[in-house]
N, C-alpha and C. Protein backbone atom coordinates (compact mmCIF):
# COMPACT_ATOMS: atom_id res chain seq x y z
N MET A 1 39.89 -4.89 60.91
CA MET A 1 40.55 -5.01 59.61
C MET A 1 40.02 -3.89 58.71
N ASP A 2 40.91 -3.15 58.05
CA ASP A 2 40.46 -2.07 57.19
C ASP A 2 40.17 -2.58 55.77
N ALA A 3 39.57 -1.75 54.94
CA ALA A 3 39.15 -2.15 53.60
C ALA A 3 40.33 -2.58 52.73
N ASP A 4 41.48 -1.90 52.86
CA ASP A 4 42.66 -2.27 52.07
C ASP A 4 43.15 -3.66 52.43
N THR A 5 43.15 -3.99 53.71
CA THR A 5 43.60 -5.31 54.15
C THR A 5 42.62 -6.37 53.68
N GLU A 6 41.32 -6.10 53.77
CA GLU A 6 40.32 -7.06 53.31
C GLU A 6 40.48 -7.33 51.82
N ALA A 7 40.67 -6.29 51.03
CA ALA A 7 40.83 -6.46 49.58
C ALA A 7 42.08 -7.26 49.28
N GLU A 8 43.16 -6.99 50.00
CA GLU A 8 44.40 -7.72 49.77
C GLU A 8 44.24 -9.18 50.16
N ASP A 9 43.53 -9.46 51.25
CA ASP A 9 43.30 -10.83 51.68
C ASP A 9 42.45 -11.60 50.68
N ALA A 10 41.57 -10.92 49.94
CA ALA A 10 40.69 -11.58 48.99
C ALA A 10 41.39 -11.89 47.68
N MET A 11 42.50 -11.24 47.41
CA MET A 11 43.22 -11.41 46.16
C MET A 11 44.46 -12.26 46.39
N ARG A 12 44.71 -13.19 45.48
CA ARG A 12 45.92 -14.00 45.58
C ARG A 12 46.99 -13.38 44.68
N TYR A 13 48.22 -13.37 45.16
CA TYR A 13 49.32 -12.77 44.44
C TYR A 13 50.44 -13.78 44.22
N ARG A 14 51.25 -13.51 43.20
CA ARG A 14 52.44 -14.31 42.91
C ARG A 14 53.58 -13.37 42.52
N MET A 15 54.77 -13.88 42.66
CA MET A 15 55.92 -13.11 42.19
C MET A 15 56.00 -13.24 40.67
N PHE A 16 56.32 -12.13 40.00
CA PHE A 16 56.39 -12.09 38.55
C PHE A 16 57.82 -12.39 38.12
N GLY A 17 58.07 -13.68 37.88
CA GLY A 17 59.42 -14.11 37.50
C GLY A 17 60.44 -13.66 38.53
N ASN A 18 61.57 -13.18 38.06
CA ASN A 18 62.63 -12.71 38.94
C ASN A 18 62.63 -11.19 39.06
N SER A 19 61.52 -10.55 38.65
CA SER A 19 61.47 -9.09 38.62
C SER A 19 61.34 -8.45 40.00
N GLY A 20 60.89 -9.23 40.98
CA GLY A 20 60.63 -8.66 42.30
C GLY A 20 59.24 -8.06 42.41
N LEU A 21 58.48 -8.07 41.31
CA LEU A 21 57.12 -7.54 41.33
C LEU A 21 56.15 -8.58 41.84
N ARG A 22 55.20 -8.15 42.66
CA ARG A 22 54.14 -9.00 43.18
C ARG A 22 52.88 -8.65 42.41
N VAL A 23 52.31 -9.61 41.69
CA VAL A 23 51.14 -9.34 40.85
C VAL A 23 49.99 -10.26 41.22
N SER A 24 48.76 -9.80 40.97
CA SER A 24 47.59 -10.63 41.27
C SER A 24 47.48 -11.75 40.25
N GLU A 25 46.81 -12.83 40.64
CA GLU A 25 46.60 -13.95 39.74
C GLU A 25 45.46 -13.70 38.76
N VAL A 26 44.71 -12.64 39.00
CA VAL A 26 43.56 -12.36 38.15
C VAL A 26 44.02 -12.02 36.74
N HIS A 27 43.44 -12.69 35.78
CA HIS A 27 43.76 -12.41 34.39
C HIS A 27 42.55 -12.82 33.56
N LEU A 28 41.97 -11.89 32.88
CA LEU A 28 40.80 -12.19 32.06
C LEU A 28 41.12 -12.16 30.57
N GLY A 29 42.37 -12.18 30.21
CA GLY A 29 42.71 -12.00 28.81
C GLY A 29 42.40 -10.58 28.38
N ALA A 30 42.66 -9.64 29.26
CA ALA A 30 42.23 -8.26 29.06
C ALA A 30 42.91 -7.57 27.89
N MET A 31 43.98 -8.12 27.36
CA MET A 31 44.64 -7.46 26.23
C MET A 31 43.68 -7.31 25.06
N GLY A 32 42.80 -8.27 24.86
CA GLY A 32 41.85 -8.21 23.76
C GLY A 32 40.71 -7.23 23.98
N PHE A 33 40.57 -6.69 25.19
CA PHE A 33 39.47 -5.78 25.47
C PHE A 33 39.55 -4.53 24.60
N GLY A 34 40.72 -4.13 24.21
CA GLY A 34 40.86 -2.94 23.37
C GLY A 34 40.30 -3.12 21.97
N TRP A 35 40.13 -4.38 21.56
CA TRP A 35 39.61 -4.68 20.23
C TRP A 35 38.24 -5.33 20.27
N THR A 36 37.61 -5.32 21.42
CA THR A 36 36.29 -5.94 21.61
C THR A 36 35.29 -4.86 21.97
N ASP A 37 34.07 -4.98 21.45
CA ASP A 37 33.10 -3.93 21.77
C ASP A 37 32.67 -4.00 23.23
N ARG A 38 32.18 -2.90 23.71
CA ARG A 38 31.85 -2.73 25.14
C ARG A 38 30.83 -3.77 25.62
N ASP A 39 29.84 -4.09 24.81
CA ASP A 39 28.82 -5.07 25.22
C ASP A 39 29.43 -6.46 25.41
N GLU A 40 30.36 -6.81 24.53
CA GLU A 40 31.01 -8.12 24.64
C GLU A 40 31.90 -8.17 25.89
N VAL A 41 32.60 -7.09 26.17
CA VAL A 41 33.42 -7.04 27.38
C VAL A 41 32.53 -7.17 28.61
N ARG A 42 31.41 -6.45 28.65
CA ARG A 42 30.49 -6.53 29.79
C ARG A 42 30.00 -7.96 29.97
N ARG A 43 29.66 -8.64 28.86
CA ARG A 43 29.20 -10.03 28.93
C ARG A 43 30.27 -10.92 29.53
N MET A 44 31.53 -10.75 29.11
CA MET A 44 32.62 -11.57 29.64
C MET A 44 32.83 -11.32 31.13
N VAL A 45 32.82 -10.05 31.53
CA VAL A 45 33.01 -9.72 32.95
C VAL A 45 31.86 -10.26 33.78
N ASP A 46 30.63 -10.15 33.28
CA ASP A 46 29.47 -10.69 34.00
C ASP A 46 29.59 -12.20 34.18
N LEU A 47 29.98 -12.91 33.13
CA LEU A 47 30.15 -14.37 33.22
C LEU A 47 31.23 -14.71 34.24
N TYR A 48 32.32 -13.97 34.23
CA TYR A 48 33.41 -14.20 35.17
C TYR A 48 32.92 -13.97 36.61
N THR A 49 32.19 -12.90 36.82
CA THR A 49 31.67 -12.57 38.15
C THR A 49 30.67 -13.63 38.62
N GLU A 50 29.79 -14.06 37.74
CA GLU A 50 28.80 -15.08 38.10
C GLU A 50 29.46 -16.40 38.48
N ALA A 51 30.63 -16.66 37.92
CA ALA A 51 31.37 -17.89 38.25
C ALA A 51 32.29 -17.68 39.46
N ASN A 52 32.06 -16.60 40.19
CA ASN A 52 32.87 -16.26 41.38
C ASN A 52 34.34 -16.05 41.02
N GLY A 53 34.56 -15.58 39.81
CA GLY A 53 35.92 -15.25 39.39
C GLY A 53 36.85 -16.43 39.28
N GLN A 54 36.28 -17.61 39.01
CA GLN A 54 37.11 -18.81 38.93
C GLN A 54 36.97 -19.47 37.60
């Protein structure tokens, strides 16, 4: 199994409405990252990672 296949197997995807686009289920509320300081973003990502992304 190559690295691309392993990464794809680790990520869950869904269809995005009727658009035909396949998107990952991962969502961290990233829209707010543009208005949040870097240290706060790092803290949020670290907490997410420590919780195994769940």
